[in-house]
Amino acid sequence: MIAQGVPTEQREFSDDPDKDDIINAYESLSRTDANDPSSGELPLVEIEMIDSDSYLVYTFVVNIAITSIVPQAQFSISPSFETDFLNPVLYAESIFDGLMQYSFRTTTRLEETSQFA
C-alpha cells in the first residue's frame, strides 16, 4: 500500500481508499491497486444450476505468492453468520496471471433454504 501511495490514515485492512467497495485486505490478496477503483473486482456470489437444482457459489482470487492463505468460504442460512452454517465444498480452482481463483459451492440446494455467503 505504501508503494501504491495509499495515505497513511487509510492503510487499515478494512479501509477502502479508492471507494470501489473492495477493502485493502482483499486488494492486497488479489494484487490490485488500492488507489485505483478500476483495478479489481469484488468476489462473486452467484447461483449455479445443476440439473434442475440451484446452488450458491462464491468465487474469489488470491495472489499465489502469498503462501499463508488457506482458502475457505462460509455459508449460512442466517445473515448474522453466528449459527446455522452450511458445508461448503471447493468446487473449482484455476491459476491465471499469478492469481489462484477459488470457487466454493454449498452442498444444500437453494430450494431447501435461504443462503448467505
PDB file of N, CA and C in Angstrom:
ATOM      1  N   MET A   1       0.822  -1.194   0.000  1.00  0.00           N
ATOM      2  CA  MET A   1       0.000   0.000   0.000  1.00  0.00           C
ATOM      3  C   MET A   1       0.865   1.257   0.000  1.00  0.00           C
ATOM      4  N   ILE A   2       2.030   1.160   0.634  1.00  0.00           N
ATOM      5  CA  ILE A   2       2.939   2.305   0.647  1.00  0.00           C
ATOM      6  C   ILE A   2       3.396   2.615  -0.777  1.00  0.00           C
ATOM      7  N   ALA A   3       3.808   1.579  -1.524  1.00  0.00           N
ATOM      8  CA  ALA A   3       4.282   1.762  -2.898  1.00  0.00           C
ATOM      9  C   ALA A   3       3.180   2.319  -3.804  1.00  0.00           C
ATOM     10  N   GLN A   4       1.928   2.000  -3.507  1.00  0.00           N
ATOM     11  CA  GLN A   4       0.808   2.495  -4.311  1.00  0.00           C
ATOM     12  C   GLN A   4       0.409   3.917  -3.929  1.00  0.00           C
ATOM     13  N   GLY A   5       0.993   4.427  -2.845  1.00  0.00           N
ATOM     14  CA  GLY A   5       0.685   5.787  -2.421  1.00  0.00           C
ATOM     15  C   GLY A   5      -0.575   5.924  -1.599  1.00  0.00           C
ATOM     16  N   VAL A   6      -1.007   4.825  -0.963  1.00  0.00           N
ATOM     17  CA  VAL A   6      -2.200   4.894  -0.113  1.00  0.00           C
ATOM     18  C   VAL A   6      -1.855   5.756   1.103  1.00  0.00           C
ATOM     19  N   PRO A   7      -2.666   6.782   1.400  1.00  0.00           N
ATOM     20  CA  PRO A   7      -2.394   7.637   2.549  1.00  0.00           C
ATOM     21  C   PRO A   7      -2.308   6.831   3.850  1.00  0.00           C
ATOM     22  N   THR A   8      -1.431   7.236   4.731  1.00  0.00           N
ATOM     23  CA  THR A   8      -1.196   6.535   5.998  1.00  0.00           C
ATOM     24  C   THR A   8      -2.487   6.270   6.756  1.00  0.00           C
ATOM     25  N   GLU A   9      -3.379   7.253   6.777  1.00  0.00           N
ATOM     26  CA  GLU A   9      -4.620   7.108   7.552  1.00  0.00           C
ATOM     27  C   GLU A   9      -5.631   6.174   6.890  1.00  0.00           C
ATOM     28  N   GLN A  10      -5.320   5.641   5.695  1.00  0.00           N
ATOM     29  CA  GLN A  10      -6.249   4.724   5.015  1.00  0.00           C
ATOM     30  C   GLN A  10      -5.593   3.382   4.723  1.00  0.00           C
ATOM     31  N   ARG A  11      -4.660   2.931   5.566  1.00  0.00           N
ATOM     32  CA  ARG A  11      -3.950   1.680   5.323  1.00  0.00           C
ATOM     33  C   ARG A  11      -4.433   0.512   6.184  1.00  0.00           C
ATOM     34  N   GLU A  12      -5.480   0.697   6.943  1.00  0.00           N
ATOM     35  CA  GLU A  12      -6.032  -0.420   7.714  1.00  0.00           C
ATOM     36  C   GLU A  12      -6.622  -1.435   6.741  1.00  0.00           C
ATOM     37  N   PHE A  13      -6.611  -2.717   7.099  1.00  0.00           N
ATOM     38  CA  PHE A  13      -7.130  -3.749   6.208  1.00  0.00           C
ATOM     39  C   PHE A  13      -8.594  -3.524   5.836  1.00  0.00           C
ATOM     40  N   SER A  14      -9.362  -2.883   6.716  1.00  0.00           N
ATOM     41  CA  SER A  14     -10.790  -2.685   6.444  1.00  0.00           C
ATOM     42  C   SER A  14     -11.079  -1.380   5.699  1.00  0.00           C
ATOM     43  N   ASP A  15     -10.055  -0.562   5.427  1.00  0.00           N
ATOM     44  CA  ASP A  15     -10.249   0.698   4.697  1.00  0.00           C
ATOM     45  C   ASP A  15     -10.445   0.446   3.202  1.00  0.00           C
ATOM     46  N   ASP A  16     -11.013   1.430   2.533  1.00  0.00           N
ATOM     47  CA  ASP A  16     -11.247   1.370   1.085  1.00  0.00           C
ATOM     48  C   ASP A  16     -10.943   2.750   0.483  1.00  0.00           C
ATOM     49  N   PRO A  17      -9.645   3.094   0.327  1.00  0.00           N
ATOM     50  CA  PRO A  17      -9.296   4.445  -0.115  1.00  0.00           C
ATOM     51  C   PRO A  17      -9.801   4.821  -1.505  1.00  0.00           C
ATOM     52  N   ASP A  18      -9.973   3.873  -2.420  1.00  0.00           N
ATOM     53  CA  ASP A  18     -10.449   4.230  -3.764  1.00  0.00           C
ATOM     54  C   ASP A  18     -11.965   4.109  -3.905  1.00  0.00           C
ATOM     55  N   LYS A  19     -12.650   3.788  -2.825  1.00  0.00           N
ATOM     56  CA  LYS A  19     -14.122   3.753  -2.770  1.00  0.00           C
ATOM     57  C   LYS A  19     -14.747   2.828  -3.812  1.00  0.00           C
ATOM     58  N   ASP A  20     -14.098   1.668  -4.063  1.00  0.00           N
ATOM     59  CA  ASP A  20     -14.649   0.710  -5.037  1.00  0.00           C
ATOM     60  C   ASP A  20     -15.342  -0.465  -4.355  1.00  0.00           C
ATOM     61  N   ASP A  21     -15.552  -0.351  -3.042  1.00  0.00           N
ATOM     62  CA  ASP A  21     -16.195  -1.390  -2.229  1.00  0.00           C
ATOM     63  C   ASP A  21     -15.319  -2.629  -2.049  1.00  0.00           C
ATOM     64  N   ILE A  22     -14.025  -2.526  -2.379  1.00  0.00           N
ATOM     65  CA  ILE A  22     -13.078  -3.620  -2.147  1.00  0.00           C
ATOM     66  C   ILE A  22     -12.103  -3.144  -1.080  1.00  0.00           C
ATOM     67  N   ILE A  23     -12.121  -3.771   0.095  1.00  0.00           N
ATOM     68  CA  ILE A  23     -11.278  -3.320   1.198  1.00  0.00           C
ATOM     69  C   ILE A  23      -9.808  -3.641   0.930  1.00  0.00           C
ATOM     70  N   ASN A  24      -8.928  -2.922   1.616  1.00  0.00           N
ATOM     71  CA  ASN A  24      -7.488  -3.088   1.431  1.00  0.00           C
ATOM     72  C   ASN A  24      -7.031  -4.537   1.580  1.00  0.00           C
ATOM     73  N   ALA A  25      -7.609  -5.273   2.513  1.00  0.00           N
ATOM     74  CA  ALA A  25      -7.202  -6.666   2.716  1.00  0.00           C
ATOM     75  C   ALA A  25      -7.374  -7.472   1.438  1.00  0.00           C
ATOM     76  N   TYR A  26      -8.501  -7.317   0.783  1.00  0.00           N
ATOM     77  CA  TYR A  26      -8.736  -8.069  -0.450  1.00  0.00           C
ATOM     78  C   TYR A  26      -7.927  -7.496  -1.605  1.00  0.00           C
ATOM     79  N   GLU A  27      -7.745  -6.176  -1.658  1.00  0.00           N
ATOM     80  CA  GLU A  27      -6.901  -5.572  -2.702  1.00  0.00           C
ATOM     81  C   GLU A  27      -5.493  -6.154  -2.605  1.00  0.00           C
ATOM     82  N   SER A  28      -5.000  -6.322  -1.394  1.00  0.00           N
ATOM     83  CA  SER A  28      -3.662  -6.881  -1.197  1.00  0.00           C
ATOM     84  C   SER A  28      -3.599  -8.342  -1.636  1.00  0.00           C
ATOM     85  N   LEU A  29      -4.600  -9.125  -1.265  1.00  0.00           N
ATOM     86  CA  LEU A  29      -4.628 -10.545  -1.624  1.00  0.00           C
ATOM     87  C   LEU A  29      -4.740 -10.768  -3.121  1.00  0.00           C
ATOM     88  N   SER A  30      -5.458  -9.889  -3.798  1.00  0.00           N
ATOM     89  CA  SER A  30      -5.701 -10.089  -5.224  1.00  0.00           C
ATOM     90  C   SER A  30      -4.778  -9.244  -6.114  1.00  0.00           C
ATOM     91  N   ARG A  31      -3.800  -8.591  -5.516  1.00  0.00           N
ATOM     92  CA  ARG A  31      -2.782  -7.783  -6.216  1.00  0.00           C
ATOM     93  C   ARG A  31      -3.386  -6.653  -7.036  1.00  0.00           C
ATOM     94  N   THR A  32      -4.406  -6.007  -6.518  1.00  0.00           N
ATOM     95  CA  THR A  32      -4.978  -4.868  -7.218  1.00  0.00           C
ATOM     96  C   THR A  32      -4.524  -3.587  -6.532  1.00  0.00           C
ATOM     97  N   ASP A  33      -4.721  -2.459  -7.168  1.00  0.00           N
ATOM     98  CA  ASP A  33      -4.269  -1.165  -6.686  1.00  0.00           C
ATOM     99  C   ASP A  33      -5.342  -0.558  -5.784  1.00  0.00           C
ATOM    100  N   ALA A  34      -4.989  -0.356  -4.521  1.00  0.00           N
ATOM    101  CA  ALA A  34      -5.945   0.182  -3.551  1.00  0.00           C
ATOM    102  C   ALA A  34      -6.325   1.635  -3.829  1.00  0.00           C
ATOM    103  N   ASN A  35      -5.601   2.295  -4.752  1.00  0.00           N
ATOM    104  CA  ASN A  35      -5.924   3.676  -5.131  1.00  0.00           C
ATOM    105  C   ASN A  35      -6.655   3.771  -6.453  1.00  0.00           C
ATOM    106  N   ASP A  36      -6.877   2.649  -7.128  1.00  0.00           N
ATOM    107  CA  ASP A  36      -7.485   2.668  -8.460  1.00  0.00           C
ATOM    108  C   ASP A  36      -8.795   1.884  -8.441  1.00  0.00           C
ATOM    109  N   PRO A  37      -9.936   2.577  -8.521  1.00  0.00           N
ATOM    110  CA  PRO A  37     -11.226   1.876  -8.432  1.00  0.00           C
ATOM    111  C   PRO A  37     -11.510   0.933  -9.601  1.00  0.00           C
ATOM    112  N   SER A  38     -10.746   1.036 -10.692  1.00  0.00           N
ATOM    113  CA  SER A  38     -10.989   0.145 -11.834  1.00  0.00           C
ATOM    114  C   SER A  38     -10.018  -1.037 -11.868  1.00  0.00           C
ATOM    115  N   SER A  39      -9.204  -1.205 -10.811  1.00  0.00           N
ATOM    116  CA  SER A  39      -8.164  -2.234 -10.862  1.00  0.00           C
ATOM    117  C   SER A  39      -8.591  -3.607 -10.363  1.00  0.00           C
ATOM    118  N   GLY A  40      -9.743  -3.739  -9.787  1.00  0.00           N
ATOM    119  CA  GLY A  40     -10.119  -5.046  -9.241  1.00  0.00           C
ATOM    120  C   GLY A  40     -11.598  -5.314  -9.337  1.00  0.00           C
ATOM    121  N   GLU A  41     -11.943  -6.532  -8.992  1.00  0.00           N
ATOM    122  CA  GLU A  41     -13.343  -6.923  -8.972  1.00  0.00           C
ATOM    123  C   GLU A  41     -13.671  -7.522  -7.615  1.00  0.00           C
ATOM    124  N   LEU A  42     -14.882  -7.271  -7.175  1.00  0.00           N
ATOM    125  CA  LEU A  42     -15.343  -7.864  -5.924  1.00  0.00           C
ATOM    126  C   LEU A  42     -15.438  -9.378  -6.062  1.00  0.00           C
ATOM    127  N   PRO A  43     -15.312 -10.099  -4.958  1.00  0.00           N
ATOM    128  CA  PRO A  43     -15.624 -11.534  -5.031  1.00  0.00           C
ATOM    129  C   PRO A  43     -17.036 -11.707  -5.572  1.00  0.00           C
ATOM    130  N   LEU A  44     -17.260 -12.800  -6.248  1.00  0.00           N
ATOM    131  CA  LEU A  44     -18.520 -13.029  -6.944  1.00  0.00           C
ATOM    132  C   LEU A  44     -19.374 -14.065  -6.207  1.00  0.00           C
ATOM    133  N   VAL A  45     -20.616 -13.733  -5.993  1.00  0.00           N
ATOM    134  CA  VAL A  45     -21.591 -14.676  -5.445  1.00  0.00           C
ATOM    135  C   VAL A  45     -22.656 -14.861  -6.520  1.00  0.00           C
ATOM    136  N   GLU A  46     -22.881 -16.101  -6.904  1.00  0.00           N
ATOM    137  CA  GLU A  46     -23.857 -16.356  -7.961  1.00  0.00           C
ATOM    138  C   GLU A  46     -24.600 -17.665  -7.701  1.00  0.00           C
ATOM    139  N   ILE A  47     -25.656 -17.855  -8.436  1.00  0.00           N
ATOM    140  CA  ILE A  47     -26.436 -19.088  -8.357  1.00  0.00           C
ATOM    141  C   ILE A  47     -26.088 -19.949  -9.560  1.00  0.00           C
ATOM    142  N   GLU A  48     -25.818 -21.199  -9.295  1.00  0.00           N
ATOM    143  CA  GLU A  48     -25.498 -22.132 -10.375  1.00  0.00           C
ATOM    144  C   GLU A  48     -26.546 -23.232 -10.418  1.00  0.00           C
ATOM    145  N   MET A  49     -26.993 -23.538 -11.622  1.00  0.00           N
ATOM    146  CA  MET A  49     -27.960 -24.611 -11.813  1.00  0.00           C
ATOM    147  C   MET A  49     -27.215 -25.906 -12.138  1.00  0.00           C
ATOM    148  N   ILE A  50     -27.530 -26.959 -11.414  1.00  0.00           N
ATOM    149  CA  ILE A  50     -27.012 -28.295 -11.704  1.00  0.00           C
ATOM    150  C   ILE A  50     -28.228 -29.200 -11.823  1.00  0.00           C
ATOM    151  N   ASP A  51     -28.395 -29.733 -13.015  1.00  0.00           N
ATOM    152  CA  ASP A  51     -29.638 -30.418 -13.355  1.00  0.00           C
ATOM    153  C   ASP A  51     -30.770 -29.422 -13.142  1.00  0.00           C
ATOM    154  N   SER A  52     -31.702 -29.692 -12.289  1.00  0.00           N
ATOM    155  CA  SER A  52     -32.776 -28.726 -12.041  1.00  0.00           C
ATOM    156  C   SER A  52     -32.662 -28.108 -10.648  1.00  0.00           C
ATOM    157  N   ASP A  53     -31.496 -28.257 -10.007  1.00  0.00           N
ATOM    158  CA  ASP A  53     -31.284 -27.733  -8.659  1.00  0.00           C
ATOM    159  C   ASP A  53     -30.395 -26.494  -8.687  1.00  0.00           C
ATOM    160  N   SER A  54     -30.634 -25.556  -7.749  1.00  0.00           N
ATOM    161  CA  SER A  54     -29.859 -24.323  -7.645  1.00  0.00           C
ATOM    162  C   SER A  54     -28.926 -24.389  -6.440  1.00  0.00           C
ATOM    163  N   TYR A  55     -27.686 -23.900  -6.630  1.00  0.00           N
ATOM    164  CA  TYR A  55     -26.697 -23.865  -5.558  1.00  0.00           C
ATOM    165  C   TYR A  55     -26.022 -22.499  -5.538  1.00  0.00           C
ATOM    166  N   LEU A  56     -25.660 -22.039  -4.344  1.00  0.00           N
ATOM    167  CA  LEU A  56     -24.956 -20.780  -4.204  1.00  0.00           C
ATOM    168  C   LEU A  56     -23.460 -21.028  -4.377  1.00  0.00           C
ATOM    169  N   VAL A  57     -22.786 -20.190  -5.194  1.00  0.00           N
ATOM    170  CA  VAL A  57     -21.354 -20.323  -5.460  1.00  0.00           C
ATOM    171  C   VAL A  57     -20.670 -19.003  -5.114  1.00  0.00           C
ATOM    172  N   TYR A  58     -19.551 -19.089  -4.403  1.00  0.00           N
ATOM    173  CA  TYR A  58     -18.753 -17.923  -4.013  1.00  0.00           C
ATOM    174  C   TYR A  58     -17.376 -18.067  -4.647  1.00  0.00           C
ATOM    175  N   THR A  59     -16.957 -17.078  -5.463  1.00  0.00           N
ATOM    176  CA  THR A  59     -15.689 -17.139  -6.187  1.00  0.00           C
ATOM    177  C   THR A  59     -14.834 -15.929  -5.835  1.00  0.00           C
ATOM    178  N   PHE A  60     -13.544 -16.168  -5.582  1.00  0.00           N
ATOM    179  CA  PHE A  60     -12.611 -15.085  -5.261  1.00  0.00           C
ATOM    180  C   PHE A  60     -11.219 -15.467  -5.738  1.00  0.00           C
ATOM    181  N   VAL A  61     -10.322 -14.491  -5.823  1.00  0.00           N
ATOM    182  CA  VAL A  61      -8.951 -14.738  -6.253  1.00  0.00           C
ATOM    183  C   VAL A  61      -7.968 -14.308  -5.173  1.00  0.00           C
ATOM    184  N   VAL A  62      -6.801 -14.981  -5.142  1.00  0.00           N
ATOM    185  CA  VAL A  62      -5.706 -14.589  -4.253  1.00  0.00           C
ATOM    186  C   VAL A  62      -4.391 -14.705  -5.007  1.00  0.00           C
ATOM    187  N   ASN A  63      -3.439 -13.910  -4.602  1.00  0.00           N
ATOM    188  CA  ASN A  63      -2.101 -13.932  -5.160  1.00  0.00           C
ATOM    189  C   ASN A  63      -1.424 -15.250  -4.758  1.00  0.00           C
ATOM    190  N   ILE A  64      -0.930 -16.042  -5.710  1.00  0.00           N
ATOM    191  CA  ILE A  64      -0.322 -17.331  -5.366  1.00  0.00           C
ATOM    192  C   ILE A  64       1.009 -17.169  -4.643  1.00  0.00           C
ATOM    193  N   ALA A  65       1.581 -15.965  -4.658  1.00  0.00           N
ATOM    194  CA  ALA A  65       2.832 -15.725  -3.936  1.00  0.00           C
ATOM    195  C   ALA A  65       2.611 -15.657  -2.423  1.00  0.00           C
ATOM    196  N   ILE A  66       1.386 -15.472  -1.995  1.00  0.00           N
ATOM    197  CA  ILE A  66       1.066 -15.420  -0.563  1.00  0.00           C
ATOM    198  C   ILE A  66       0.745 -16.838  -0.126  1.00  0.00           C
ATOM    199  N   THR A  67       1.740 -17.525   0.403  1.00  0.00           N
ATOM    200  CA  THR A  67       1.600 -18.951   0.711  1.00  0.00           C
ATOM    201  C   THR A  67       0.867 -19.232   2.012  1.00  0.00           C
ATOM    202  N   SER A  68       0.646 -18.218   2.824  1.00  0.00           N
ATOM    203  CA  SER A  68      -0.026 -18.441   4.110  1.00  0.00           C
ATOM    204  C   SER A  68      -1.541 -18.448   3.996  1.00  0.00           C
ATOM    205  N   ILE A  69      -2.080 -18.254   2.805  1.00  0.00           N
ATOM    206  CA  ILE A  69      -3.529 -18.204   2.604  1.00  0.00           C
ATOM    207  C   ILE A  69      -4.121 -19.614   2.656  1.00  0.00           C
ATOM    208  N   VAL A  70      -5.171 -19.771   3.433  1.00  0.00           N
ATOM    209  CA  VAL A  70      -5.944 -21.008   3.453  1.00  0.00           C
ATOM    210  C   VAL A  70      -7.313 -20.651   2.883  1.00  0.00           C
ATOM    211  N   PRO A  71      -7.549 -20.975   1.623  1.00  0.00           N
ATOM    212  CA  PRO A  71      -8.815 -20.560   1.014  1.00  0.00           C
ATOM    213  C   PRO A  71      -9.999 -21.275   1.647  1.00  0.00           C
ATOM    214  N   GLN A  72     -11.015 -20.494   1.962  1.00  0.00           N
ATOM    215  CA  GLN A  72     -12.220 -21.074   2.525  1.00  0.00           C
ATOM    216  C   GLN A  72     -13.380 -20.113   2.319  1.00  0.00           C
ATOM    217  N   ALA A  73     -14.549 -20.628   2.435  1.00  0.00           N
ATOM    218  CA  ALA A  73     -15.762 -19.818   2.324  1.00  0.00           C
ATOM    219  C   ALA A  73     -16.705 -20.254   3.428  1.00  0.00           C
ATOM    220  N   GLN A  74     -17.599 -19.360   3.775  1.00  0.00           N
ATOM    221  CA  GLN A  74     -18.565 -19.678   4.812  1.00  0.00           C
ATOM    222  C   GLN A  74     -19.960 -19.382   4.271  1.00  0.00           C
ATOM    223  N   PHE A  75     -20.832 -20.339   4.426  1.00  0.00           N
ATOM    224  CA  PHE A  75     -22.225 -20.182   4.019  1.00  0.00           C
ATOM    225  C   PHE A  75     -23.107 -20.400   5.244  1.00  0.00           C
ATOM    226  N   SER A  76     -24.181 -19.646   5.315  1.00  0.00           N
ATOM    227  CA  SER A  76     -25.098 -19.755   6.440  1.00  0.00           C
ATOM    228  C   SER A  76     -26.516 -19.518   5.945  1.00  0.00           C
ATOM    229  N   ILE A  77     -27.496 -20.002   6.704  1.00  0.00           N
ATOM    230  CA  ILE A  77     -28.880 -19.695   6.365  1.00  0.00           C
ATOM    231  C   ILE A  77     -29.328 -18.410   7.061  1.00  0.00           C
ATOM    232  N   SER A  78     -28.414 -17.804   7.846  1.00  0.00           N
ATOM    233  CA  SER A  78     -28.708 -16.568   8.559  1.00  0.00           C
ATOM    234  C   SER A  78     -27.695 -15.499   8.165  1.00  0.00           C
ATOM    235  N   PRO A  79     -28.116 -14.258   7.916  1.00  0.00           N
ATOM    236  CA  PRO A  79     -27.154 -13.204   7.570  1.00  0.00           C
ATOM    237  C   PRO A  79     -26.244 -12.815   8.724  1.00  0.00           C
ATOM    238  N   SER A  80     -26.553 -13.259   9.957  1.00  0.00           N
ATOM    239  CA  SER A  80     -25.708 -12.920  11.110  1.00  0.00           C
ATOM    240  C   SER A  80     -24.434 -13.759  11.151  1.00  0.00           C
ATOM    241  N   PHE A  81     -24.402 -14.896  10.470  1.00  0.00           N
ATOM    242  CA  PHE A  81     -23.251 -15.802  10.449  1.00  0.00           C
ATOM    243  C   PHE A  81     -22.808 -16.229  11.852  1.00  0.00           C
ATOM    244  N   GLU A  82     -23.741 -16.292  12.785  1.00  0.00           N
ATOM    245  CA  GLU A  82     -23.412 -16.740  14.134  1.00  0.00           C
ATOM    246  C   GLU A  82     -23.767 -18.210  14.333  1.00  0.00           C
ATOM    247  N   THR A  83     -24.747 -18.688  13.596  1.00  0.00           N
ATOM    248  CA  THR A  83     -25.167 -20.088  13.701  1.00  0.00           C
ATOM    249  C   THR A  83     -25.682 -20.540  12.345  1.00  0.00           C
ATOM    250  N   ASP A  84     -26.150 -21.742  12.288  1.00  0.00           N
ATOM    251  CA  ASP A  84     -26.799 -22.277  11.090  1.00  0.00           C
ATOM    252  C   ASP A  84     -25.881 -22.298   9.869  1.00  0.00           C
ATOM    253  N   PHE A  85     -24.674 -22.846  10.055  1.00  0.00           N
ATOM    254  CA  PHE A  85     -23.712 -22.908   8.966  1.00  0.00           C
ATOM    255  C   PHE A  85     -24.007 -24.061   8.020  1.00  0.00           C
ATOM    256  N   LEU A  86     -23.708 -23.835   6.752  1.00  0.00           N
ATOM    257  CA  LEU A  86     -23.843 -24.864   5.728  1.00  0.00           C
ATOM    258  C   LEU A  86     -22.446 -25.306   5.314  1.00  0.00           C
ATOM    259  N   ASN A  87     -22.309 -26.519   4.864  1.00  0.00           N
ATOM    260  CA  ASN A  87     -20.995 -27.048   4.493  1.00  0.00           C
ATOM    261  C   ASN A  87     -20.645 -26.670   3.058  1.00  0.00           C
ATOM    262  N   PRO A  88     -19.578 -25.843   2.877  1.00  0.00           N
ATOM    263  CA  PRO A  88     -19.141 -25.543   1.513  1.00  0.00           C
ATOM    264  C   PRO A  88     -18.163 -26.608   1.009  1.00  0.00           C
ATOM    265  N   VAL A  89     -18.093 -26.746  -0.290  1.00  0.00           N
ATOM    266  CA  VAL A  89     -17.095 -27.628  -0.899  1.00  0.00           C
ATOM    267  C   VAL A  89     -16.324 -26.798  -1.921  1.00  0.00           C
ATOM    268  N   LEU A  90     -15.027 -27.094  -2.040  1.00  0.00           N
ATOM    269  CA  LEU A  90     -14.235 -26.453  -3.075  1.00  0.00           C
ATOM    270  C   LEU A  90     -14.705 -27.009  -4.398  1.00  0.00           C
ATOM    271  N   TYR A  91     -15.256 -26.158  -5.212  1.00  0.00           N
ATOM    272  CA  TYR A  91     -15.910 -26.570  -6.445  1.00  0.00           C
ATOM    273  C   TYR A  91     -14.967 -26.492  -7.637  1.00  0.00           C
ATOM    274  N   ALA A  92     -14.119 -25.456  -7.665  1.00  0.00           N
ATOM    275  CA  ALA A  92     -13.196 -25.285  -8.792  1.00  0.00           C
ATOM    276  C   ALA A  92     -12.057 -24.381  -8.362  1.00  0.00           C
ATOM    277  N   GLU A  93     -10.888 -24.596  -8.974  1.00  0.00           N
ATOM    278  CA  GLU A  93      -9.773 -23.697  -8.772  1.00  0.00           C
ATOM    279  C   GLU A  93      -8.962 -23.625 -10.063  1.00  0.00           C
ATOM    280  N   SER A  94      -8.428 -22.450 -10.335  1.00  0.00           N
ATOM    281  CA  SER A  94      -7.633 -22.277 -11.544  1.00  0.00           C
ATOM    282  C   SER A  94      -6.617 -21.164 -11.326  1.00  0.00           C
ATOM    283  N   ILE A  95      -5.504 -21.259 -12.037  1.00  0.00           N
ATOM    284  CA  ILE A  95      -4.436 -20.263 -11.945  1.00  0.00           C
ATOM    285  C   ILE A  95      -4.429 -19.428 -13.225  1.00  0.00           C
ATOM    286  N   PHE A  96      -4.316 -18.108 -13.064  1.00  0.00           N
ATOM    287  CA  PHE A  96      -4.144 -17.216 -14.210  1.00  0.00           C
ATOM    288  C   PHE A  96      -3.403 -15.977 -13.738  1.00  0.00           C
ATOM    289  N   ASP A  97      -2.417 -15.559 -14.492  1.00  0.00           N
ATOM    290  CA  ASP A  97      -1.680 -14.324 -14.237  1.00  0.00           C
ATOM    291  C   ASP A  97      -1.189 -14.201 -12.793  1.00  0.00           C
ATOM    292  N   GLY A  98      -0.686 -15.298 -12.226  1.00  0.00           N
ATOM    293  CA  GLY A  98      -0.173 -15.264 -10.861  1.00  0.00           C
ATOM    294  C   GLY A  98      -1.225 -15.235  -9.778  1.00  0.00           C
ATOM    295  N   LEU A  99      -2.468 -15.458 -10.155  1.00  0.00           N
ATOM    296  CA  LEU A  99      -3.572 -15.486  -9.198  1.00  0.00           C
ATOM    297  C   LEU A  99      -4.224 -16.858  -9.212  1.00  0.00           C
ATOM    298  N   MET A 100      -4.683 -17.285  -8.063  1.00  0.00           N
ATOM    299  CA  MET A 100      -5.445 -18.523  -7.956  1.00  0.00           C
ATOM    300  C   MET A 100      -6.897 -18.134  -7.718  1.00  0.00           C
ATOM    301  N   GLN A 101      -7.776 -18.645  -8.564  1.00  0.00           N
ATOM    302  CA  GLN A 101      -9.209 -18.394  -8.400  1.00  0.00           C
ATOM    303  C   GLN A 101      -9.846 -19.614  -7.759  1.00  0.00           C
ATOM    304  N   TYR A 102     -10.567 -19.389  -6.674  1.00  0.00           N
ATOM    305  CA  TYR A 102     -11.262 -20.456  -5.958  1.00  0.00           C
ATOM    306  C   TYR A 102     -12.763 -20.238  -6.061  1.00  0.00           C
ATOM    307  N   SER A 103     -13.496 -21.317  -6.235  1.00  0.00           N
ATOM    308  CA  SER A 103     -14.953 -21.269  -6.191  1.00  0.00           C
ATOM    309  C   SER A 103     -15.440 -22.319  -5.202  1.00  0.00           C
ATOM    310  N   PHE A 104     -16.225 -21.875  -4.264  1.00  0.00           N
ATOM    311  CA  PHE A 104     -16.839 -22.768  -3.282  1.00  0.00           C
ATOM    312  C   PHE A 104     -18.332 -22.803  -3.543  1.00  0.00           C
ATOM    313  N   ARG A 105     -18.935 -23.965  -3.319  1.00  0.00           N
ATOM    314  CA  ARG A 105     -20.368 -24.142  -3.542  1.00  0.00           C
ATOM    315  C   ARG A 105     -20.990 -24.771  -2.305  1.00  0.00           C
ATOM    316  N   THR A 106     -22.230 -24.403  -2.041  1.00  0.00           N
ATOM    317  CA  THR A 106     -22.950 -25.048  -0.949  1.00  0.00           C
ATOM    318  C   THR A 106     -23.313 -26.472  -1.360  1.00  0.00           C
ATOM    319  N   THR A 107     -23.526 -27.302  -0.379  1.00  0.00           N
ATOM    320  CA  THR A 107     -23.991 -28.659  -0.650  1.00  0.00           C
ATOM    321  C   THR A 107     -25.498 -28.762  -0.432  1.00  0.00           C
ATOM    322  N   THR A 108     -26.086 -27.650  -0.019  1.00  0.00           N
ATOM    323  CA  THR A 108     -27.531 -27.590   0.218  1.00  0.00           C
ATOM    324  C   THR A 108     -28.188 -26.826  -0.926  1.00  0.00           C
ATOM    325  N   ARG A 109     -29.222 -27.392  -1.487  1.00  0.00           N
ATOM    326  CA  ARG A 109     -29.927 -26.741  -2.586  1.00  0.00           C
ATOM    327  C   ARG A 109     -30.609 -25.460  -2.102  1.00  0.00           C
ATOM    328  N   LEU A 110     -30.600 -24.439  -2.929  1.00  0.00           N
ATOM    329  CA  LEU A 110     -31.287 -23.189  -2.593  1.00  0.00           C
ATOM    330  C   LEU A 110     -32.784 -23.402  -2.422  1.00  0.00           C
ATOM    331  N   GLU A 111     -33.316 -24.417  -3.086  1.00  0.00           N
ATOM    332  CA  GLU A 111     -34.728 -24.713  -2.947  1.00  0.00           C
ATOM    333  C   GLU A 111     -35.091 -25.166  -1.542  1.00  0.00           C
ATOM    334  N   GLU A 112     -34.091 -25.587  -0.759  1.00  0.00           N
ATOM    335  CA  GLU A 112     -34.340 -26.084   0.597  1.00  0.00           C
ATOM    336  C   GLU A 112     -34.318 -24.979   1.649  1.00  0.00           C
ATOM    337  N   THR A 113     -33.493 -23.932   1.451  1.00  0.00           N
ATOM    338  CA  THR A 113     -33.362 -22.884   2.452  1.00  0.00           C
ATOM    339  C   THR A 113     -32.709 -21.646   1.860  1.00  0.00           C
ATOM    340  N   SER A 114     -32.948 -20.486   2.449  1.00  0.00           N
ATOM    341  CA  SER A 114     -32.237 -19.285   2.022  1.00  0.00           C
ATOM    342  C   SER A 114     -30.766 -19.411   2.450  1.00  0.00           C
ATOM    343  N   GLN A 115     -29.863 -18.762   1.710  1.00  0.00           N
ATOM    344  CA  GLN A 115     -28.431 -18.919   1.992  1.00  0.00           C
ATOM    345  C   GLN A 115     -27.680 -17.606   1.811  1.00  0.00           C
ATOM    346  N   PHE A 116     -26.608 -17.456   2.578  1.00  0.00           N
ATOM    347  CA  PHE A 116     -25.754 -16.283   2.529  1.00  0.00           C
ATOM    348  C   PHE A 116     -24.305 -16.753   2.438  1.00  0.00           C
ATOM    349  N   ALA A 117     -23.466 -16.022   1.683  1.00  0.00           N
ATOM    350  CA  ALA A 117     -22.043 -16.372   1.556  1.00  0.00           C
ATOM    351  C   ALA A 117     -21.221 -15.253   2.151  1.00  0.00           C
TER     352      ALA A 117
END
